[in-house]
Amino acid sequence: MRTVIALRGKARTVFALLAMLAKASGMLPCAEDLGAVPPCVPKVMAELGVLGLRIPRWTRDWDRPGQPYIALADYPELSVCTPSVHDTSTLRGWWENEGEKQGFAVACCPEHQGKDKLDPQTARSVLSNLATAASRLFVLQLQDLLDLDSAYLSEDAAKDRINVPGIVDDYNWTWRMGPEAETLLADKTWLETVRSIADYGQRI
């Protein structure tokens, strides 16, 4: 605690708020520490054991020339690694339509440099690599899991996004799962693919 006690102003306020929230529940506390994060926040989170969020496409050393991607092995243990969240495109949507994926591939999945499409086999390999991140947790959105099988692959990955922040329209928050839950639970091949990704991360 000595590091935080020495902090003043915003750091002390952040510490007090996060400490109160962390004690209010028996659940493992995680924070969405994205965007413009004050320098005091990572220090306070570490002191309290609060997990931060690492989205690999944005996990870069922004202060270094070229802003290189941070190696998965160098992710902090007190973090959650996830390829996408409700406020971003899916991994496939980013890879095929938005991403600066070359540098990402070099750092996270070098065997897929130069691939323009994230087909199910490539998606399985990329997600398996991401599962090896040093983060305590690896969390996947359902859309990224559905992209592991051509039977569930949507025609337009852009439509798999849940929300575009700052926009109010008839599209945001309307995404619905295509296959029924019973179909997925009965699909042994798809389930085994999902398990293999989790197992791969645990073996490394």
Protein backbone atom coordinates (compact mmCIF):
# COMPACT_ATOMS: atom_id res chain seq x y z
CA MET A 1 0.00 0.00 0.00
CA ARG A 2 2.90 2.39 0.52
CA THR A 3 3.14 3.24 -3.18
CA VAL A 4 -0.46 4.35 -3.36
CA ILE A 5 -0.52 6.16 -0.02
CA ALA A 6 2.26 8.37 -1.33
CA LEU A 7 0.08 9.36 -4.28
CA ARG A 8 -2.04 12.47 -4.11
CA GLY A 9 -5.05 14.06 -5.73
CA LYS A 10 -6.58 11.94 -8.47
CA ALA A 11 -4.55 8.86 -7.55
CA ARG A 12 -5.85 8.89 -3.99
CA THR A 13 -9.42 9.40 -5.22
CA VAL A 14 -9.11 6.58 -7.78
CA PHE A 15 -7.69 4.30 -5.11
CA ALA A 16 -10.54 5.04 -2.70
CA LEU A 17 -13.23 4.42 -5.34
CA LEU A 18 -11.73 1.22 -6.68
CA ALA A 19 -11.03 -0.11 -3.20
CA MET A 20 -14.67 0.45 -2.26
CA LEU A 21 -15.91 -1.31 -5.41
CA ALA A 22 -13.50 -4.22 -4.99
CA LYS A 23 -14.63 -4.84 -1.41
CA ALA A 24 -18.33 -4.63 -2.31
CA SER A 25 -18.29 -8.00 -4.06
CA GLY A 26 -16.66 -11.37 -3.75
CA MET A 27 -16.16 -11.43 -7.52
CA LEU A 28 -12.80 -10.90 -9.21
CA PRO A 29 -12.63 -7.17 -10.04
CA CYS A 30 -11.82 -6.19 -13.64
CA ALA A 31 -11.64 -2.71 -15.15
CA GLU A 32 -12.15 -1.40 -18.67
CA ASP A 33 -8.98 0.68 -18.70
CA LEU A 34 -9.09 1.71 -22.35
CA GLY A 35 -8.55 5.04 -24.07
CA ALA A 36 -6.93 7.99 -22.32
CA VAL A 37 -5.93 6.47 -18.97
CA PRO A 38 -4.30 8.73 -16.32
CA PRO A 39 -0.81 7.51 -15.34
CA CYS A 40 -1.95 6.82 -11.78
CA VAL A 41 -4.59 4.26 -12.80
CA PRO A 42 -2.36 1.24 -13.66
CA LYS A 43 -0.43 1.72 -10.42
CA VAL A 44 -3.60 1.87 -8.35
CA MET A 45 -5.12 -1.14 -10.13
CA ALA A 46 -1.99 -3.19 -9.50
CA GLU A 47 -2.04 -2.33 -5.79
CA LEU A 48 -5.67 -3.45 -5.54
CA GLY A 49 -5.28 -6.55 -7.71
CA VAL A 50 -7.79 -5.24 -10.27
CA LEU A 51 -7.41 -6.82 -13.71
CA GLY A 52 -7.06 -4.47 -16.66
CA LEU A 53 -8.26 -5.11 -20.21
CA ARG A 54 -5.96 -5.97 -23.11
CA ILE A 55 -7.39 -5.97 -26.63
CA PRO A 56 -4.45 -7.20 -28.75
CA ARG A 57 -5.17 -4.94 -31.73
CA TRP A 58 -4.67 -1.93 -29.42
CA THR A 59 -2.05 -3.37 -27.08
CA ARG A 60 0.98 -1.53 -28.38
CA ASP A 61 3.87 0.49 -27.02
CA TRP A 62 2.47 3.81 -28.18
CA ASP A 63 5.51 5.78 -26.97
CA ARG A 64 8.07 3.85 -29.02
CA PRO A 65 8.91 4.60 -32.67
CA GLY A 66 6.61 2.60 -34.92
CA GLN A 67 4.30 1.89 -31.97
CA PRO A 68 5.05 -1.87 -31.99
CA TYR A 69 2.60 -4.46 -30.74
CA ILE A 70 3.41 -5.84 -27.31
CA ALA A 71 4.25 -9.54 -27.30
CA LEU A 72 1.58 -11.77 -25.78
CA ALA A 73 4.13 -13.14 -23.32
CA ASP A 74 4.64 -9.61 -21.99
CA TYR A 75 1.01 -8.94 -21.12
CA PRO A 76 0.60 -8.26 -17.39
CA GLU A 77 -0.70 -11.19 -15.37
CA LEU A 78 -3.26 -8.85 -13.82
CA SER A 79 -5.18 -8.48 -17.07
CA VAL A 80 -7.92 -9.92 -19.25
CA CYS A 81 -6.98 -10.63 -22.86
CA THR A 82 -9.85 -10.50 -25.37
CA PRO A 83 -9.80 -10.02 -29.14
CA SER A 84 -13.01 -7.96 -29.20
CA VAL A 85 -15.67 -6.41 -26.98
CA HIS A 86 -19.19 -5.07 -27.43
CA ASP A 87 -17.88 -1.63 -28.45
CA THR A 88 -15.52 -2.93 -31.16
CA SER A 89 -15.82 -4.88 -34.36
CA THR A 90 -15.32 -8.63 -34.07
CA LEU A 91 -11.88 -10.05 -34.72
CA ARG A 92 -12.95 -11.06 -38.24
CA GLY A 93 -14.56 -7.69 -38.88
CA TRP A 94 -11.39 -5.90 -37.83
CA TRP A 95 -9.06 -8.29 -39.68
CA GLU A 96 -10.94 -8.12 -42.98
CA ASN A 97 -12.26 -4.55 -43.02
CA GLU A 98 -10.36 -2.27 -40.67
CA GLY A 99 -7.14 -3.59 -39.31
CA GLU A 100 -3.49 -2.80 -39.58
CA LYS A 101 -3.12 -6.55 -39.32
CA GLN A 102 0.40 -6.94 -40.70
CA GLY A 103 2.11 -5.69 -37.55
CA PHE A 104 -0.43 -7.56 -35.45
CA ALA A 105 0.32 -10.80 -37.28
CA VAL A 106 4.07 -10.34 -36.86
CA ALA A 107 3.66 -9.96 -33.09
CA CYS A 108 0.80 -12.36 -32.36
CA CYS A 109 0.45 -14.89 -35.19
CA PRO A 110 3.41 -14.71 -37.60
CA GLU A 111 2.24 -17.74 -39.58
CA HIS A 112 -0.69 -15.68 -40.89
CA GLN A 113 1.14 -12.66 -42.26
CA GLY A 114 -0.36 -11.55 -45.56
CA LYS A 115 -3.70 -13.32 -45.12
CA ASP A 116 -6.62 -11.07 -46.04
CA LYS A 117 -9.45 -13.35 -44.93
CA LEU A 118 -10.00 -14.74 -41.47
CA ASP A 119 -11.50 -18.08 -42.46
CA PRO A 120 -12.43 -20.59 -39.72
CA GLN A 121 -9.06 -22.36 -39.80
CA THR A 122 -7.14 -19.10 -39.57
CA ALA A 123 -9.47 -17.84 -36.83
CA ARG A 124 -8.83 -21.00 -34.81
CA SER A 125 -5.07 -20.56 -35.13
CA VAL A 126 -5.15 -16.85 -34.27
CA LEU A 127 -7.38 -17.38 -31.23
CA SER A 128 -5.17 -20.25 -30.06
CA ASN A 129 -2.17 -17.95 -30.21
CA LEU A 130 -4.01 -15.22 -28.30
CA ALA A 131 -4.95 -17.80 -25.65
CA THR A 132 -1.25 -18.03 -24.76
CA ALA A 133 -1.14 -14.41 -23.53
CA ALA A 134 0.29 -14.03 -20.03
CA SER A 135 -3.03 -12.51 -18.89
CA ARG A 136 -4.83 -14.27 -16.05
CA LEU A 137 -8.02 -14.54 -18.12
CA PHE A 138 -8.72 -15.05 -21.82
CA VAL A 139 -12.30 -14.12 -22.76
CA LEU A 140 -14.02 -14.53 -26.12
CA GLN A 141 -17.17 -12.98 -27.54
CA LEU A 142 -19.69 -15.41 -28.99
CA GLN A 143 -19.32 -13.85 -32.45
CA ASP A 144 -15.62 -14.75 -32.53
CA LEU A 145 -16.49 -18.31 -31.49
CA LEU A 146 -19.16 -18.65 -34.19
CA ASP A 147 -16.57 -17.62 -36.79
CA LEU A 148 -14.73 -20.87 -36.01
CA ASP A 149 -17.17 -22.87 -38.15
CA SER A 150 -18.36 -22.14 -41.68
CA ALA A 151 -21.85 -23.32 -40.67
CA TYR A 152 -22.19 -20.34 -38.32
CA LEU A 153 -20.11 -17.79 -40.20
CA SER A 154 -22.17 -14.69 -40.96
CA GLU A 155 -22.19 -13.26 -44.49
CA ASP A 156 -21.11 -9.82 -43.30
CA ALA A 157 -18.78 -9.57 -40.30
CA ALA A 158 -19.58 -5.86 -39.98
CA LYS A 159 -23.11 -6.81 -38.92
CA ASP A 160 -21.77 -8.88 -36.02
CA ARG A 161 -20.72 -5.77 -34.15
CA ILE A 162 -22.91 -5.01 -31.14
CA ASN A 163 -22.39 -1.29 -30.68
CA VAL A 164 -20.76 1.72 -32.33
CA PRO A 165 -20.12 4.16 -29.44
CA GLY A 166 -21.56 7.64 -29.82
CA ILE A 167 -24.17 6.65 -32.40
CA VAL A 168 -27.90 6.38 -31.75
CA ASP A 169 -29.68 4.44 -34.48
CA ASP A 170 -31.83 1.38 -35.15
CA TYR A 171 -28.82 -0.94 -35.47
CA ASN A 172 -26.87 -0.62 -32.21
CA TRP A 173 -27.55 -3.34 -29.62
CA THR A 174 -29.73 -5.36 -32.00
CA TRP A 175 -27.34 -8.26 -32.72
CA ARG A 176 -28.85 -11.67 -32.07
CA MET A 177 -27.22 -15.08 -32.17
CA GLY A 178 -28.09 -16.97 -35.37
CA PRO A 179 -27.96 -20.64 -34.31
CA GLU A 180 -30.01 -21.81 -31.38
CA ALA A 181 -28.17 -22.66 -28.16
CA GLU A 182 -29.36 -26.27 -28.47
CA THR A 183 -27.74 -26.49 -31.91
CA LEU A 184 -24.38 -25.34 -30.56
CA LEU A 185 -24.57 -27.66 -27.55
CA ALA A 186 -25.21 -30.61 -29.87
CA ASP A 187 -22.39 -29.69 -32.27
CA LYS A 188 -19.50 -31.81 -30.98
CA THR A 189 -17.09 -30.59 -33.66
CA TRP A 190 -17.63 -26.92 -32.82
CA LEU A 191 -17.44 -27.61 -29.08
CA GLU A 192 -14.19 -29.50 -29.51
CA THR A 193 -12.75 -26.58 -31.48
CA VAL A 194 -13.64 -24.18 -28.68
CA ARG A 195 -12.17 -26.54 -26.08
CA SER A 196 -8.99 -26.95 -28.10
CA ILE A 197 -8.39 -23.19 -28.00
CA ALA A 198 -8.80 -23.12 -24.24
CA ASP A 199 -6.59 -26.19 -23.84
CA TYR A 200 -3.90 -24.74 -26.11
CA GLY A 201 -3.60 -21.67 -23.91
CA GLN A 202 -3.28 -23.81 -20.78
CA ARG A 203 -0.58 -26.04 -22.28
CA ILE A 204 1.81 -23.21 -23.11
